[in-house]
Amino acid sequence: MAEVKVPFYGHVRQYHNYKAELDAAITGVLESGVYTLGPVGKRFEGELQEYMGMKHALGLNSGTDALWLAFLALGIKPGDEVITTSNTFWATAEAVWLVGAIPVFVDCDPDTRNMNVSQVEAKITDKTVGIVPVHLYGQPADMPAVAAIAKKHNLWVVEDCAQAMGSRGDTFKIGELSDAVCTSFITAKNLGTFGDSGAVFTNRDDLIEPIIKMRNHGSNKRSHHSVGWNSRLDEIHAAILGVKLKHIDEFNDARIANAKLYDQYLAGVKNIKLPKGKPGYRHVYHLYVIETPHRDELQAFLKDKGIIALTNYPIAIHQQEGFPFGGGDPKPVLPETEKNAAGCLSLPIYPELTAEEVKYVADAVMEWDAKQ
């Protein structure tokens, strides 16, 4: 294997850039003697609320739990159906299966790869209770269209925002057209800690107490319990995220700038499909995903040049071995999703990527494209 010249992740670079702030925040927690459900986590939840412009934010231990507990708070029950997409990370559907419900997949849009909302109504049955649009790669789904369908059919909407912290639509903000927003803070996310955690955001007062109790063994008062789980955001991760939240907009601006450079350098490719941002949207480029039917060859070519490009997501959820994991259509017809899975390749896009590295990656992609 060639020497790695452009890694896929920039976590360590980010740590070094903010080392003094991060080390001080972590040390502050260690010296406090309070490591769970303490003042740092409470403060971070307040900062999240303010940043998102939403009424409530609750820290949890993962984005998966954020979806899972939000579904439970909304009253989902076994056998219910939830409409979502298959070209995303496994956890979106997994959280539906965890409560005994059934994810029902619609295809993705051929341009944005977000949910093809025009297909949603055809999938609604008397068992449908909700819709979960995923803001894939950092670009919001068509939330006004999703919200209109949900209102017409009396369904709830939970936004999977794990890849899109800091994004917005042309006429809408994240969270203003749904019942809840769920996110992950795993390391690679636009706002990521050095480990796992997540959060739920909502403007609905009735969802708060159930989630507060479920994340802490069914308890919101010492020695008083019902059945719940351990899904707390610990103080160290809250401290790390509190530091990074101050910089999330500049992180996203850097990602957007790198995406514009890729767009500029790769504009002449003939055998590769480039990502499309919708006019007026703030696409925060968690991932810069190109597509080609010869993806594996391109990935290997880049690796020989010392460039690490990864695949998100090369096996769609409905293509996973053992699908459908408890009911539902065993063979959903999702041609765009499968095309996306077969051809997707994510180029490095993190904020710490230098302009020279972007040019090096783009030149290599252009060199490969010219040989096709």
Protein backbone atom coordinates (compact mmCIF):
# COMPACT_ATOMS: atom_id res chain seq x y z
CA MET A 1 0.00 0.00 0.00
CA ALA A 2 1.23 3.48 -0.88
CA GLU A 3 2.05 5.94 1.88
CA VAL A 4 -1.12 7.73 2.98
CA LYS A 5 -0.90 11.29 1.69
CA VAL A 6 -4.53 12.29 2.19
CA PRO A 7 -6.34 10.45 5.00
CA PHE A 8 -10.11 10.20 5.04
CA TYR A 9 -10.55 11.57 8.55
CA GLY A 10 -9.20 14.70 10.22
CA HIS A 11 -10.03 13.93 13.86
CA VAL A 12 -6.50 14.17 15.17
CA ARG A 13 -5.80 17.36 13.23
CA GLN A 14 -8.91 18.90 14.79
CA TYR A 15 -7.80 17.82 18.26
CA HIS A 16 -4.40 19.43 17.73
CA ASN A 17 -6.00 22.66 16.43
CA TYR A 18 -8.16 23.01 19.58
CA LYS A 19 -5.96 21.08 22.02
CA ALA A 20 -5.77 23.75 24.72
CA GLU A 21 -9.56 24.26 24.83
CA LEU A 22 -10.33 20.55 24.68
CA ASP A 23 -7.76 19.54 27.27
CA ALA A 24 -9.00 22.25 29.65
CA ALA A 25 -12.61 21.15 29.21
CA ILE A 26 -11.78 17.49 29.83
CA THR A 27 -9.58 18.29 32.81
CA GLY A 28 -12.34 20.46 34.25
CA VAL A 29 -14.71 17.50 34.26
CA LEU A 30 -12.12 15.13 35.72
CA GLU A 31 -11.37 17.56 38.55
CA SER A 32 -15.08 18.18 39.24
CA GLY A 33 -15.80 14.64 40.39
CA VAL A 34 -19.15 14.67 38.51
CA TYR A 35 -19.20 12.52 35.39
CA THR A 36 -22.85 11.83 34.50
CA LEU A 37 -25.94 14.07 34.39
CA GLY A 38 -24.03 17.00 35.84
CA PRO A 39 -23.70 20.71 35.14
CA VAL A 40 -21.55 20.38 32.00
CA GLY A 41 -24.13 18.20 30.25
CA LYS A 42 -26.93 20.53 31.35
CA ARG A 43 -25.07 23.54 30.01
CA PHE A 44 -24.36 21.77 26.73
CA GLU A 45 -28.03 20.90 26.29
CA GLY A 46 -28.86 24.59 26.74
CA GLU A 47 -26.25 25.56 24.16
CA LEU A 48 -27.66 22.99 21.74
CA GLN A 49 -31.18 24.36 22.22
CA GLU A 50 -29.98 27.85 21.44
CA TYR A 51 -27.96 26.75 18.40
CA MET A 52 -30.83 24.74 16.93
CA GLY A 53 -33.45 27.33 17.85
CA MET A 54 -35.56 24.63 19.44
CA LYS A 55 -37.38 24.38 22.75
CA HIS A 56 -35.68 21.24 24.07
CA ALA A 57 -32.42 19.32 23.60
CA LEU A 58 -31.62 16.11 25.46
CA GLY A 59 -28.19 14.48 25.36
CA LEU A 60 -28.05 10.71 24.90
CA ASN A 61 -25.36 8.13 24.36
CA SER A 62 -25.84 7.71 20.59
CA GLY A 63 -27.81 8.76 17.55
CA THR A 64 -29.34 5.29 17.44
CA ASP A 65 -30.76 5.75 20.92
CA ALA A 66 -31.98 9.21 19.94
CA LEU A 67 -34.13 7.66 17.21
CA TRP A 68 -35.18 4.72 19.36
CA LEU A 69 -36.26 6.79 22.36
CA ALA A 70 -37.96 9.40 20.19
CA PHE A 71 -40.03 6.65 18.54
CA LEU A 72 -41.01 5.25 21.94
CA ALA A 73 -41.93 8.69 23.26
CA LEU A 74 -44.15 9.15 20.21
CA GLY A 75 -46.01 5.97 21.15
CA ILE A 76 -44.81 3.60 18.42
CA LYS A 77 -45.80 -0.04 18.96
CA PRO A 78 -44.95 -3.42 17.40
CA GLY A 79 -46.40 -3.83 13.91
CA ASP A 80 -46.51 -0.12 13.15
CA GLU A 81 -44.96 1.02 9.88
CA VAL A 82 -42.49 3.87 9.43
CA ILE A 83 -41.55 5.20 6.01
CA THR A 84 -37.88 5.96 5.45
CA THR A 85 -35.00 5.34 3.06
CA SER A 86 -32.61 2.44 2.55
CA ASN A 87 -29.50 4.29 1.30
CA THR A 88 -28.33 5.41 4.70
CA PHE A 89 -26.58 4.08 7.77
CA TRP A 90 -28.12 0.98 9.25
CA ALA A 91 -29.21 2.63 12.51
CA THR A 92 -32.12 4.53 10.95
CA ALA A 93 -33.99 1.30 10.18
CA GLU A 94 -32.49 -0.53 13.15
CA ALA A 95 -34.16 1.86 15.58
CA VAL A 96 -37.52 1.02 13.97
CA TRP A 97 -36.86 -2.72 14.25
CA LEU A 98 -35.76 -2.32 17.88
CA VAL A 99 -39.30 -1.35 18.87
CA GLY A 100 -40.88 -4.16 16.84
CA ALA A 101 -42.11 -1.85 14.10
CA ILE A 102 -41.46 -2.15 10.36
CA PRO A 103 -39.42 0.25 8.20
CA VAL A 104 -41.01 0.73 4.79
CA PHE A 105 -38.56 2.01 2.21
CA VAL A 106 -39.08 4.50 -0.58
CA ASP A 107 -36.47 5.13 -3.24
CA CYS A 108 -34.06 8.06 -3.23
CA ASP A 109 -34.00 11.11 -5.43
CA PRO A 110 -31.64 10.61 -8.40
CA ASP A 111 -29.97 13.99 -7.88
CA THR A 112 -29.71 14.62 -4.13
CA ARG A 113 -29.99 10.97 -2.97
CA ASN A 114 -32.37 12.15 -0.27
CA MET A 115 -35.84 10.63 0.17
CA ASN A 116 -37.92 10.74 -3.01
CA VAL A 117 -40.93 12.30 -1.35
CA SER A 118 -43.14 11.75 -4.40
CA GLN A 119 -43.16 8.03 -3.52
CA VAL A 120 -44.21 8.40 0.12
CA GLU A 121 -48.00 8.55 -0.19
CA ALA A 122 -48.12 5.32 -2.20
CA LYS A 123 -46.51 3.51 0.75
CA ILE A 124 -48.95 4.75 3.42
CA THR A 125 -51.23 2.08 4.88
CA ASP A 126 -53.52 1.93 7.91
CA LYS A 127 -50.45 0.77 9.89
CA THR A 128 -48.28 3.77 9.00
CA VAL A 129 -47.52 6.01 11.98
CA GLY A 130 -44.57 8.13 10.89
CA ILE A 131 -42.00 9.29 8.36
CA VAL A 132 -38.23 9.49 8.96
CA PRO A 133 -36.45 11.59 6.33
CA VAL A 134 -32.65 11.38 6.47
CA HIS A 135 -30.68 14.52 5.66
CA LEU A 136 -28.14 12.51 3.69
CA TYR A 137 -24.55 13.64 3.23
CA GLY A 138 -25.37 16.97 4.95
CA GLN A 139 -28.21 18.25 2.77
CA PRO A 140 -31.73 18.52 4.20
CA ALA A 141 -34.50 16.45 2.67
CA ASP A 142 -37.55 18.19 1.18
CA MET A 143 -39.13 18.88 4.56
CA PRO A 144 -42.06 21.06 3.38
CA ALA A 145 -43.23 18.19 1.15
CA VAL A 146 -42.71 15.62 3.93
CA ALA A 147 -44.58 17.78 6.44
CA ALA A 148 -47.51 18.32 4.06
CA ILE A 149 -47.96 14.55 3.60
CA ALA A 150 -47.62 13.93 7.33
CA LYS A 151 -50.26 16.54 8.12
CA LYS A 152 -52.66 15.14 5.50
CA HIS A 153 -52.37 11.60 6.91
CA ASN A 154 -51.92 12.47 10.60
CA LEU A 155 -48.41 11.03 10.84
CA TRP A 156 -45.49 12.12 12.98
CA VAL A 157 -42.14 13.10 11.47
CA VAL A 158 -38.71 12.46 13.00
CA GLU A 159 -35.74 13.98 11.17
CA ASP A 160 -32.54 11.93 11.07
CA CYS A 161 -30.04 14.79 11.19
CA ALA A 162 -26.94 12.76 12.06
CA GLN A 163 -25.11 14.03 8.96
CA ALA A 164 -26.47 17.56 8.81
CA MET A 165 -25.85 19.58 11.99
CA GLY A 166 -25.78 23.23 10.94
CA SER A 167 -27.63 22.74 7.65
CA ARG A 168 -30.89 24.37 6.61
CA GLY A 169 -33.32 24.39 3.69
CA ASP A 170 -34.23 27.24 1.39
CA THR A 171 -37.39 28.17 3.28
CA PHE A 172 -37.12 26.11 6.46
CA LYS A 173 -34.90 25.35 9.43
CA ILE A 174 -34.12 21.90 10.74
CA GLY A 175 -36.73 21.01 13.33
CA GLU A 176 -39.47 23.47 12.50
CA LEU A 177 -41.46 21.02 10.33
CA SER A 178 -41.22 17.85 12.42
CA ASP A 179 -42.01 16.38 15.81
CA ALA A 180 -38.39 15.64 16.69
CA VAL A 181 -34.86 15.82 15.32
CA CYS A 182 -32.29 13.15 16.13
CA THR A 183 -28.56 13.35 15.72
CA SER A 184 -25.34 11.48 16.40
CA PHE A 185 -22.13 12.99 17.75
CA ILE A 186 -19.91 10.04 16.84
CA THR A 187 -16.39 11.14 15.99
CA ALA A 188 -16.70 11.59 12.22
CA LYS A 189 -19.81 13.80 12.34
CA ASN A 190 -19.68 17.50 11.57
CA LEU A 191 -20.12 17.98 15.33
CA GLY A 192 -18.37 14.92 16.75
CA THR A 193 -16.88 13.91 20.07
CA PHE A 194 -14.01 11.48 20.64
CA GLY A 195 -16.34 8.53 21.07
CA ASP A 196 -20.12 8.06 21.00
CA SER A 197 -23.09 10.24 21.89
CA GLY A 198 -26.21 11.78 20.39
CA ALA A 199 -29.18 14.03 21.09
CA VAL A 200 -32.89 14.54 20.52
CA PHE A 201 -34.34 17.97 19.79
CA THR A 202 -38.03 18.80 19.92
CA ASN A 203 -40.47 21.64 20.37
CA ARG A 204 -43.04 19.26 21.90
CA ASP A 205 -43.22 19.43 25.69
CA ASP A 206 -44.94 16.04 25.93
CA LEU A 207 -41.91 14.16 24.56
CA ILE A 208 -39.44 15.42 27.15
CA GLU A 209 -40.29 13.63 30.37
CA PRO A 210 -40.60 10.18 28.74
CA ILE A 211 -37.15 10.54 27.13
CA ILE A 212 -35.57 11.94 30.32
CA LYS A 213 -36.82 8.89 32.19
CA MET A 214 -36.00 6.33 29.49
CA ARG A 215 -32.38 7.51 29.22
CA ASN A 216 -31.83 7.02 32.97
CA HIS A 217 -33.29 3.64 33.92
CA GLY A 218 -36.84 5.00 33.92
CA SER A 219 -35.97 7.55 36.57
CA ASN A 220 -36.18 11.30 36.88
CA LYS A 221 -36.03 11.22 40.66
CA ARG A 222 -33.52 9.43 42.85
CA SER A 223 -34.62 5.89 43.85
CA HIS A 224 -37.84 6.13 41.80
CA HIS A 225 -37.68 3.89 38.69
CA SER A 226 -39.69 2.38 35.89
CA VAL A 227 -38.30 0.25 33.07
CA GLY A 228 -35.85 2.23 31.01
CA TRP A 229 -32.27 2.07 29.77
CA ASN A 230 -28.86 3.61 30.36
CA SER A 231 -28.51 6.15 27.57
CA ARG A 232 -26.96 9.18 29.21
CA LEU A 233 -24.57 11.66 27.62
CA ASP A 234 -21.61 11.70 30.01
CA GLU A 235 -19.91 14.88 31.17
CA ILE A 236 -16.60 14.38 29.34
CA HIS A 237 -18.27 14.04 25.95
CA ALA A 238 -20.55 16.99 26.76
CA ALA A 239 -17.45 19.06 27.58
CA ILE A 240 -15.74 18.11 24.31
CA LEU A 241 -18.88 18.85 22.32
CA GLY A 242 -19.35 22.15 24.12
CA VAL A 243 -15.95 23.27 22.84
CA LYS A 244 -16.63 22.08 19.30
CA LEU A 245 -20.15 23.54 19.15
CA LYS A 246 -18.58 27.01 19.33
CA HIS A 247 -16.80 26.22 16.06
CA ILE A 248 -19.43 24.19 14.20
CA ASP A 249 -20.27 26.95 11.72
CA GLU A 250 -16.62 27.46 10.80
CA PHE A 251 -16.19 23.68 10.49
CA ASN A 252 -19.15 23.58 8.11
CA ASP A 253 -17.93 26.63 6.19
CA ALA A 254 -14.62 24.84 5.63
CA ARG A 255 -16.42 21.73 4.37
CA ILE A 256 -18.51 23.86 1.99
CA ALA A 257 -15.36 25.60 0.72
CA ASN A 258 -13.68 22.25 0.06
CA ALA A 259 -16.79 21.01 -1.75
CA LYS A 260 -16.73 24.09 -3.98
CA LEU A 261 -13.09 23.37 -4.84
CA TYR A 262 -13.98 19.79 -5.76
CA ASP A 263 -16.91 21.06 -7.86
CA GLN A 264 -14.55 23.43 -9.65
CA TYR A 265 -11.72 20.95 -10.26
CA LEU A 266 -14.00 18.06 -11.24
CA ALA A 267 -16.39 20.01 -13.46
CA GLY A 268 -15.01 18.36 -16.62
CA VAL A 269 -15.34 14.69 -15.60
CA LYS A 270 -17.09 12.48 -18.14
CA ASN A 271 -17.53 9.19 -16.32
CA ILE A 272 -18.35 10.38 -12.82
CA LYS A 273 -21.51 11.83 -11.29
CA LEU A 274 -20.88 14.73 -8.91
CA PRO A 275 -23.04 15.64 -5.89
CA LYS A 276 -25.79 18.23 -6.35
CA GLY A 277 -26.73 20.89 -3.85
CA LYS A 278 -30.23 22.35 -4.04
CA PRO A 279 -30.40 26.13 -4.65
CA GLY A 280 -30.84 28.08 -1.43
CA TYR A 281 -29.98 25.13 0.83
CA ARG A 282 -27.06 25.13 3.25
CA HIS A 283 -25.57 21.73 2.40
CA VAL A 284 -22.88 21.16 5.04
CA TYR A 285 -21.12 18.30 3.24
CA HIS A 286 -20.70 15.70 5.92
CA LEU A 287 -19.71 13.68 2.87
CA TYR A 288 -18.71 14.58 -0.69
CA VAL A 289 -20.01 11.56 -2.59
CA ILE A 290 -19.27 10.96 -6.25
CA GLU A 291 -20.68 8.04 -8.23
CA THR A 292 -19.35 5.84 -11.00
CA PRO A 293 -20.21 2.29 -12.10
CA HIS A 294 -16.47 1.58 -11.82
CA ARG A 295 -16.24 2.72 -8.20
CA ASP A 296 -13.99 -0.07 -6.95
CA GLU A 297 -11.42 0.63 -9.68
CA LEU A 298 -11.40 4.34 -8.86
CA GLN A 299 -11.08 3.66 -5.14
CA ALA A 300 -8.09 1.37 -5.76
CA PHE A 301 -6.52 3.94 -8.11
CA LEU A 302 -6.79 6.63 -5.43
CA LYS A 303 -5.37 4.28 -2.80
CA ASP A 304 -2.31 3.72 -4.98
CA LYS A 305 -1.87 7.51 -4.94
CA GLY A 306 -2.04 7.57 -1.13
CA ILE A 307 -5.62 8.88 -1.03
CA ILE A 308 -8.15 7.20 1.24
CA ALA A 309 -11.68 7.33 -0.19
CA LEU A 310 -14.43 5.30 1.51
CA THR A 311 -17.92 4.10 0.60
CA ASN A 312 -21.10 5.44 2.25
CA TYR A 313 -23.08 3.17 1.89
CA PRO A 314 -22.08 0.33 -0.44
CA ILE A 315 -24.78 -2.10 0.74
CA ALA A 316 -28.22 -0.56 1.11
CA ILE A 317 -30.20 -1.59 4.18
CA HIS A 318 -32.62 -3.75 2.19
CA GLN A 319 -29.63 -5.51 0.58
CA GLN A 320 -28.15 -6.57 3.92
CA GLU A 321 -27.95 -10.31 4.59
CA GLY A 322 -30.99 -11.46 6.57
CA PHE A 323 -33.27 -8.59 5.53
CA PRO A 324 -36.13 -7.86 6.35
CA PHE A 325 -35.48 -8.68 10.03
CA GLY A 326 -39.08 -9.10 11.12
CA GLY A 327 -41.78 -8.27 8.61
CA GLY A 328 -42.30 -5.93 5.72
CA ASP A 329 -41.67 -6.19 2.00
CA PRO A 330 -38.72 -8.60 1.50
CA LYS A 331 -37.96 -7.22 -1.97
CA PRO A 332 -38.66 -3.48 -2.16
CA VAL A 333 -38.14 -1.99 -5.64
CA LEU A 334 -35.49 0.70 -5.14
CA PRO A 335 -33.47 1.08 -8.35
CA GLU A 336 -31.95 4.48 -7.56
CA THR A 337 -30.97 3.33 -4.09
CA GLU A 338 -29.21 0.29 -5.50
CA LYS A 339 -27.48 2.38 -8.15
CA ASN A 340 -26.29 4.74 -5.42
CA ALA A 341 -25.00 1.85 -3.31
CA ALA A 342 -23.13 0.26 -6.22
CA GLY A 343 -21.41 3.45 -7.37
CA CYS A 344 -20.89 5.72 -4.36
CA LEU A 345 -17.42 6.86 -3.30
CA SER A 346 -16.76 9.48 -0.62
CA LEU A 347 -13.77 11.77 -1.10
CA PRO A 348 -12.03 13.34 1.92
CA ILE A 349 -13.94 16.52 2.91
CA TYR A 350 -13.16 17.33 6.57
CA PRO A 351 -12.56 20.95 7.69
CA GLU A 352 -8.84 20.43 8.27
CA LEU A 353 -8.23 19.28 4.69
CA THR A 354 -5.87 21.72 2.96
CA ALA A 355 -6.51 23.30 -0.44
CA GLU A 356 -3.41 21.50 -1.71
CA GLU A 357 -4.80 18.16 -0.58
CA VAL A 358 -8.14 18.85 -2.29
CA LYS A 359 -6.26 19.67 -5.51
CA TYR A 360 -4.17 16.49 -5.19
CA VAL A 361 -7.31 14.36 -4.77
CA ALA A 362 -9.12 16.10 -7.62
CA ASP A 363 -6.14 15.74 -9.97
CA ALA A 364 -6.02 12.01 -9.25
CA VAL A 365 -9.75 11.64 -9.93
CA MET A 366 -9.36 13.57 -13.19
CA GLU A 367 -6.40 11.38 -14.19
CA TRP A 368 -8.46 8.23 -13.65
CA ASP A 369 -11.46 9.69 -15.47
CA ALA A 370 -9.33 10.55 -18.52
CA LYS A 371 -8.23 6.91 -18.80
CA GLN A 372 -11.78 5.57 -19.01
